[in-house]
Each structure stands twice: as C-alpha cells, then as structure tokens.
C-alpha cells in the first residue's frame, strides 16, 4: 500500500506533508506534488498534515480519484524530489476545494 496525492493538491501545493515524510517520497511539479509509490512506506504521517486534504491511501481513494494512483507513479519518476517545506502559491486558498482541477495540472 502507498499514499497518493489527489486532485485538490493541484494549484494548492502545500508542502506541510513533505516535512513529515521519513523516506523523502515526495516529488514536486510546477503546481502539484506526487508521492513515489516505490518509496512510500505507508506510514500515514503525511495524510493529516495536508491542509487541502488531498492525500489518501491508495485503497481508500475517493470516487473519481483512482487515476491519481498512476499519475503519482508516473510523475514521481520525472519530477525532482522535494524534502523541504516551501511557501504555497499566493492563491492556494482560492483553489482549495475547487473540484476537477486536473485540467490545470502543469507537467
């Protein structure tokens, strides 16, 4: 099992989760974070740290978010690793909770 970053992280990209990850499993894109399923140890520390509630266990993904399993695996292989907290985008609060943000994902 692994944890997965889902749709609500897009354009929010809070990095609180990165600070608690004991295995540095997070990778950063222009406006989204992903978790490498090969690195994640299923410790669950990141899930409660996400202010946008965008992180879920792969077997407990909300309906319609299943595609993020593969997306995390794919993008974690090409994006750089992130191990330190950085400020969120200036408009992160405005995007938090906006549904269906996949069209805004920058790769």
Protein backbone atom coordinates (compact mmCIF):
# COMPACT_ATOMS: atom_id res chain seq x y z
CA UNK A 1 0.00 0.00 0.00
CA UNK A 2 1.01 3.58 -0.55
CA UNK A 3 -0.37 7.07 -0.22
CA UNK A 4 -1.48 9.13 -3.20
CA UNK A 5 -1.75 12.88 -3.79
CA UNK A 6 -5.07 13.69 -5.49
CA UNK A 7 -6.83 16.46 -7.41
CA UNK A 8 -7.18 19.01 -4.62
CA UNK A 9 -3.39 19.49 -4.42
CA UNK A 10 -3.35 20.97 -7.92
CA UNK A 11 -2.70 24.72 -7.68
CA UNK A 12 -2.62 24.49 -3.85
CA UNK A 13 0.68 22.61 -3.49
CA UNK A 14 1.03 22.93 0.25
CA UNK A 15 4.24 21.22 1.33
CA UNK A 16 3.50 20.55 5.01
CA UNK A 17 3.40 16.85 4.11
CA UNK A 18 6.99 16.91 2.86
CA UNK A 19 8.34 17.86 6.30
CA UNK A 20 6.98 14.73 7.99
CA UNK A 21 7.87 12.13 5.35
CA UNK A 22 10.60 9.91 6.83
CA UNK A 23 11.64 8.49 3.44
CA UNK A 24 11.54 11.60 1.20
CA UNK A 25 8.86 10.14 -1.07
CA UNK A 26 7.51 13.47 -2.38
CA UNK A 27 8.29 14.92 -5.78
CA UNK A 28 7.46 18.43 -6.99
CA UNK A 29 5.97 19.66 -10.22
CA UNK A 30 5.08 23.22 -11.21
CA UNK A 31 1.73 23.23 -9.35
CA UNK A 32 1.32 19.77 -7.80
CA UNK A 33 3.09 17.25 -5.58
CA UNK A 34 3.19 13.48 -6.02
CA UNK A 35 4.29 10.51 -3.93
CA UNK A 36 6.54 7.82 -5.37
CA UNK A 37 4.78 4.52 -4.59
CA UNK A 38 8.11 2.67 -4.69
CA UNK A 39 9.50 4.85 -1.89
CA UNK A 40 6.38 5.36 0.26
CA UNK A 41 6.34 3.09 3.33
CA UNK A 42 2.65 3.63 4.13
CA UNK A 43 3.44 5.34 7.44
CA UNK A 44 0.41 7.68 7.12
CA UNK A 45 2.25 10.68 8.58
CA UNK A 46 1.60 12.86 5.53
CA UNK A 47 -2.17 12.44 5.32
CA UNK A 48 -3.15 14.52 8.39
CA UNK A 49 -0.55 17.19 7.54
CA UNK A 50 -2.14 18.14 4.22
CA UNK A 51 -4.15 21.38 4.68
CA UNK A 52 -6.03 20.64 1.44
CA UNK A 53 -6.98 17.06 2.45
CA UNK A 54 -5.55 15.83 -0.85
CA UNK A 55 -3.65 12.75 0.37
CA UNK A 56 -5.28 9.32 0.65
CA UNK A 57 -4.22 5.71 0.99
CA UNK A 58 -4.29 4.07 -2.44
CA UNK A 59 -7.00 1.63 -1.39
CA UNK A 60 -9.19 4.41 0.05
CA UNK A 61 -9.19 6.93 -2.79
CA UNK A 62 -12.39 8.95 -3.11
CA UNK A 63 -14.59 8.10 -6.11
CA UNK A 64 -13.21 9.64 -9.29
CA UNK A 65 -9.67 9.95 -7.94
CA UNK A 66 -8.41 6.50 -8.96
CA UNK A 67 -6.40 7.88 -11.89
CA UNK A 68 -4.13 9.71 -9.48
CA UNK A 69 -2.60 6.40 -8.45
CA UNK A 70 -0.97 6.03 -11.87
CA UNK A 71 -0.32 9.77 -12.18
CA UNK A 72 1.69 9.82 -8.93
CA UNK A 73 3.73 6.82 -10.06
CA UNK A 74 4.42 8.32 -13.48
CA UNK A 75 5.28 11.89 -12.44
CA UNK A 76 7.42 10.85 -9.47
CA UNK A 77 9.85 9.31 -11.96
CA UNK A 78 10.41 12.59 -13.84
CA UNK A 79 9.94 15.37 -11.26
CA UNK A 80 12.60 16.40 -8.73
CA UNK A 81 12.49 15.22 -5.14
CA UNK A 82 11.35 17.78 -2.57
CA UNK A 83 12.46 17.45 1.04
CA UNK A 84 11.87 20.92 2.50
CA UNK A 85 8.76 22.98 3.09
CA UNK A 86 8.29 25.87 0.67
CA UNK A 87 5.63 28.58 0.68
CA UNK A 88 2.40 27.67 -1.10
CA UNK A 89 1.28 29.62 -4.16
CA UNK A 90 -0.19 33.03 -3.30
CA UNK A 91 -3.65 31.93 -4.48
CA UNK A 92 -3.62 28.46 -2.87
CA UNK A 93 -6.56 29.21 -0.55
CA UNK A 94 -8.68 30.28 -3.53
CA UNK A 95 -8.06 26.93 -5.25
CA UNK A 96 -8.56 24.74 -2.17
CA UNK A 97 -11.79 22.79 -2.64
CA UNK A 98 -12.29 23.64 -6.32
CA UNK A 99 -13.38 20.36 -7.95
CA UNK A 100 -11.94 18.74 -11.08
CA UNK A 101 -8.66 20.66 -11.24
CA UNK A 102 -6.89 18.03 -13.38
CA UNK A 103 -7.16 20.31 -16.43
CA UNK A 104 -4.95 22.82 -14.58
CA UNK A 105 -2.17 20.31 -13.89
CA UNK A 106 1.16 21.54 -15.25
CA UNK A 107 3.68 18.86 -16.05
